[in-house]
Structure formats: structure tokens, C-alpha cells
Amino acid sequence: MNPGPVEHSPGGPRLTAKGKATRQRIISAASEAFSDCGVTATSNDDILAVAGASPSQLYHYFTDRDDLVAAVIADRVEQVLSWHH
């Protein structure tokens, strides 16, 4: 089975379509949790439970928590910019 085209995550691993979807699922779960509870009150376990992902996946796609927070911010910025276009 062909996993589809391979893309690069900014500063991260090469991503297949499935990997890109997993990474986005983690970002979306973190974004929602950060909005609801705040960044410091949200644990990685909280995010992973919502995303249906494992700790190994979290650290495959993000070097550390700061990298995840930066990805959430970048995702939100992209959403706002695309809404304005």
C-alpha cells in the first residue's frame, strides 16, 4: 500500500499523508485544550487522550512542548490568514 506523497514538516521529519494527519490531529487537540484550560494547565497526556495519539508520536512530530506550542500558534495564524483571504 502506498502511503501517499511525502511532505516535510517545518524543521521536522518527512511526513506521509497519514503522518501529516496525525500531526494535525495532535495540533488540533492541543489548540482546543490550550483554549479551554490554558497552556500551563494542559498536560501532554490530556492532549494525547483527545488526539488518540501516543507519547512516541508526540515526540516524533514535535521536538518538545515549546515546539508543539509554536505549531499551535502557527496553525492558528494560518487559520486567521486564510479566513481573511
C-alpha atoms as a PDB file:
ATOM      1  CA  MET A   1       0.000   0.000   0.000  1.00  0.00           C
ATOM      2  CA  ASN A   2       1.362   3.392  -0.997  1.00  0.00           C
ATOM      3  CA  PRO A   3       1.214   5.866   1.936  1.00  0.00           C
ATOM      4  CA  GLY A   4       0.824   8.774  -0.460  1.00  0.00           C
ATOM      5  CA  PRO A   5       3.057  11.720  -1.152  1.00  0.00           C
ATOM      6  CA  VAL A   6       5.744  12.574   1.353  1.00  0.00           C
ATOM      7  CA  GLU A   7       5.871  16.102   2.721  1.00  0.00           C
ATOM      8  CA  HIS A   8       8.246  17.837   5.080  1.00  0.00           C
ATOM      9  CA  SER A   9       7.200  19.195   8.437  1.00  0.00           C
ATOM     10  CA  PRO A  10       8.892  22.541   9.127  1.00  0.00           C
ATOM     11  CA  GLY A  11      12.100  21.565  10.885  1.00  0.00           C
ATOM     12  CA  GLY A  12      10.799  18.056  11.424  1.00  0.00           C
ATOM     13  CA  PRO A  13      10.511  14.646   9.861  1.00  0.00           C
ATOM     14  CA  ARG A  14       9.293  13.844   6.374  1.00  0.00           C
ATOM     15  CA  LEU A  15       5.569  13.209   6.537  1.00  0.00           C
ATOM     16  CA  THR A  16       3.297  10.864   4.651  1.00  0.00           C
ATOM     17  CA  ALA A  17      -0.378  11.779   4.325  1.00  0.00           C
ATOM     18  CA  LYS A  18      -1.093   9.620   7.381  1.00  0.00           C
ATOM     19  CA  GLY A  19       1.721  11.257   9.342  1.00  0.00           C
ATOM     20  CA  LYS A  20       0.514  14.715   8.361  1.00  0.00           C
ATOM     21  CA  ALA A  21      -2.992  13.822   9.567  1.00  0.00           C
ATOM     22  CA  THR A  22      -1.651  12.524  12.895  1.00  0.00           C
ATOM     23  CA  ARG A  23       0.453  15.639  13.393  1.00  0.00           C
ATOM     24  CA  GLN A  24      -2.549  17.859  12.618  1.00  0.00           C
ATOM     25  CA  ARG A  25      -4.756  15.847  14.991  1.00  0.00           C
ATOM     26  CA  ILE A  26      -2.258  16.491  17.799  1.00  0.00           C
ATOM     27  CA  ILE A  27      -2.096  20.204  16.942  1.00  0.00           C
ATOM     28  CA  SER A  28      -5.898  20.484  16.871  1.00  0.00           C
ATOM     29  CA  ALA A  29      -6.276  18.678  20.202  1.00  0.00           C
ATOM     30  CA  ALA A  30      -3.605  20.896  21.779  1.00  0.00           C
ATOM     31  CA  SER A  31      -5.184  24.028  20.364  1.00  0.00           C
ATOM     32  CA  GLU A  32      -8.585  23.154  21.806  1.00  0.00           C
ATOM     33  CA  ALA A  33      -7.133  22.173  25.193  1.00  0.00           C
ATOM     34  CA  PHE A  34      -4.977  25.299  25.391  1.00  0.00           C
ATOM     35  CA  SER A  35      -8.013  27.465  24.603  1.00  0.00           C
ATOM     36  CA  ASP A  36     -10.172  25.714  27.189  1.00  0.00           C
ATOM     37  CA  CYS A  37      -7.690  25.308  30.062  1.00  0.00           C
ATOM     38  CA  GLY A  38      -4.576  27.323  29.237  1.00  0.00           C
ATOM     39  CA  VAL A  39      -1.178  26.112  28.141  1.00  0.00           C
ATOM     40  CA  THR A  40       0.263  25.520  31.604  1.00  0.00           C
ATOM     41  CA  ALA A  41      -2.841  23.718  32.907  1.00  0.00           C
ATOM     42  CA  THR A  42      -2.915  21.292  29.968  1.00  0.00           C
ATOM     43  CA  SER A  43      -0.768  18.190  30.223  1.00  0.00           C
ATOM     44  CA  ASN A  44       0.636  16.261  27.306  1.00  0.00           C
ATOM     45  CA  ASP A  45      -1.473  13.312  28.478  1.00  0.00           C
ATOM     46  CA  ASP A  46      -4.603  15.490  28.152  1.00  0.00           C
ATOM     47  CA  ILE A  47      -3.674  16.345  24.581  1.00  0.00           C
ATOM     48  CA  LEU A  48      -2.801  12.777  23.637  1.00  0.00           C
ATOM     49  CA  ALA A  49      -6.061  11.425  25.057  1.00  0.00           C
ATOM     50  CA  VAL A  50      -8.095  13.782  22.877  1.00  0.00           C
ATOM     51  CA  ALA A  51      -5.894  13.242  19.822  1.00  0.00           C
ATOM     52  CA  GLY A  52      -5.839   9.468  20.183  1.00  0.00           C
ATOM     53  CA  ALA A  53      -2.059   9.534  19.901  1.00  0.00           C
ATOM     54  CA  SER A  54       0.842   8.094  21.866  1.00  0.00           C
ATOM     55  CA  PRO A  55       3.765   9.856  23.565  1.00  0.00           C
ATOM     56  CA  SER A  56       6.098   8.425  20.927  1.00  0.00           C
ATOM     57  CA  GLN A  57       4.000  10.067  18.212  1.00  0.00           C
ATOM     58  CA  LEU A  58       4.061  13.385  20.060  1.00  0.00           C
ATOM     59  CA  TYR A  59       7.844  13.359  20.203  1.00  0.00           C
ATOM     60  CA  HIS A  60       8.157  12.081  16.645  1.00  0.00           C
ATOM     61  CA  TYR A  61       6.364  15.157  15.316  1.00  0.00           C
ATOM     62  CA  PHE A  62       7.497  17.739  17.901  1.00  0.00           C
ATOM     63  CA  THR A  63      10.936  18.099  19.474  1.00  0.00           C
ATOM     64  CA  ASP A  64       9.492  19.333  22.768  1.00  0.00           C
ATOM     65  CA  ARG A  65       6.481  21.103  24.267  1.00  0.00           C
ATOM     66  CA  ASP A  66       7.693  24.503  23.040  1.00  0.00           C
ATOM     67  CA  ASP A  67       7.715  23.098  19.504  1.00  0.00           C
ATOM     68  CA  LEU A  68       4.111  21.914  19.956  1.00  0.00           C
ATOM     69  CA  VAL A  69       3.029  25.324  21.299  1.00  0.00           C
ATOM     70  CA  ALA A  70       4.736  27.013  18.341  1.00  0.00           C
ATOM     71  CA  ALA A  71       2.927  24.654  15.943  1.00  0.00           C
ATOM     72  CA  VAL A  72      -0.423  25.507  17.573  1.00  0.00           C
ATOM     73  CA  ILE A  73       0.298  29.223  17.208  1.00  0.00           C
ATOM     74  CA  ALA A  74       1.350  28.790  13.570  1.00  0.00           C
ATOM     75  CA  ASP A  75      -1.812  26.783  12.873  1.00  0.00           C
ATOM     76  CA  ARG A  76      -3.998  29.491  14.423  1.00  0.00           C
ATOM     77  CA  VAL A  77      -2.211  32.207  12.439  1.00  0.00           C
ATOM     78  CA  GLU A  78      -2.767  30.213   9.233  1.00  0.00           C
ATOM     79  CA  GLN A  79      -6.471  29.836  10.069  1.00  0.00           C
ATOM     80  CA  VAL A  80      -6.855  33.587  10.621  1.00  0.00           C
ATOM     81  CA  LEU A  81      -4.945  34.497   7.466  1.00  0.00           C
ATOM     82  CA  SER A  82      -6.901  32.046   5.313  1.00  0.00           C
ATOM     83  CA  TRP A  83     -10.160  33.412   6.703  1.00  0.00           C
ATOM     84  CA  HIS A  84      -9.133  36.931   5.654  1.00  0.00           C
ATOM     85  CA  HIS A  85      -8.285  35.855   2.102  1.00  0.00           C
END
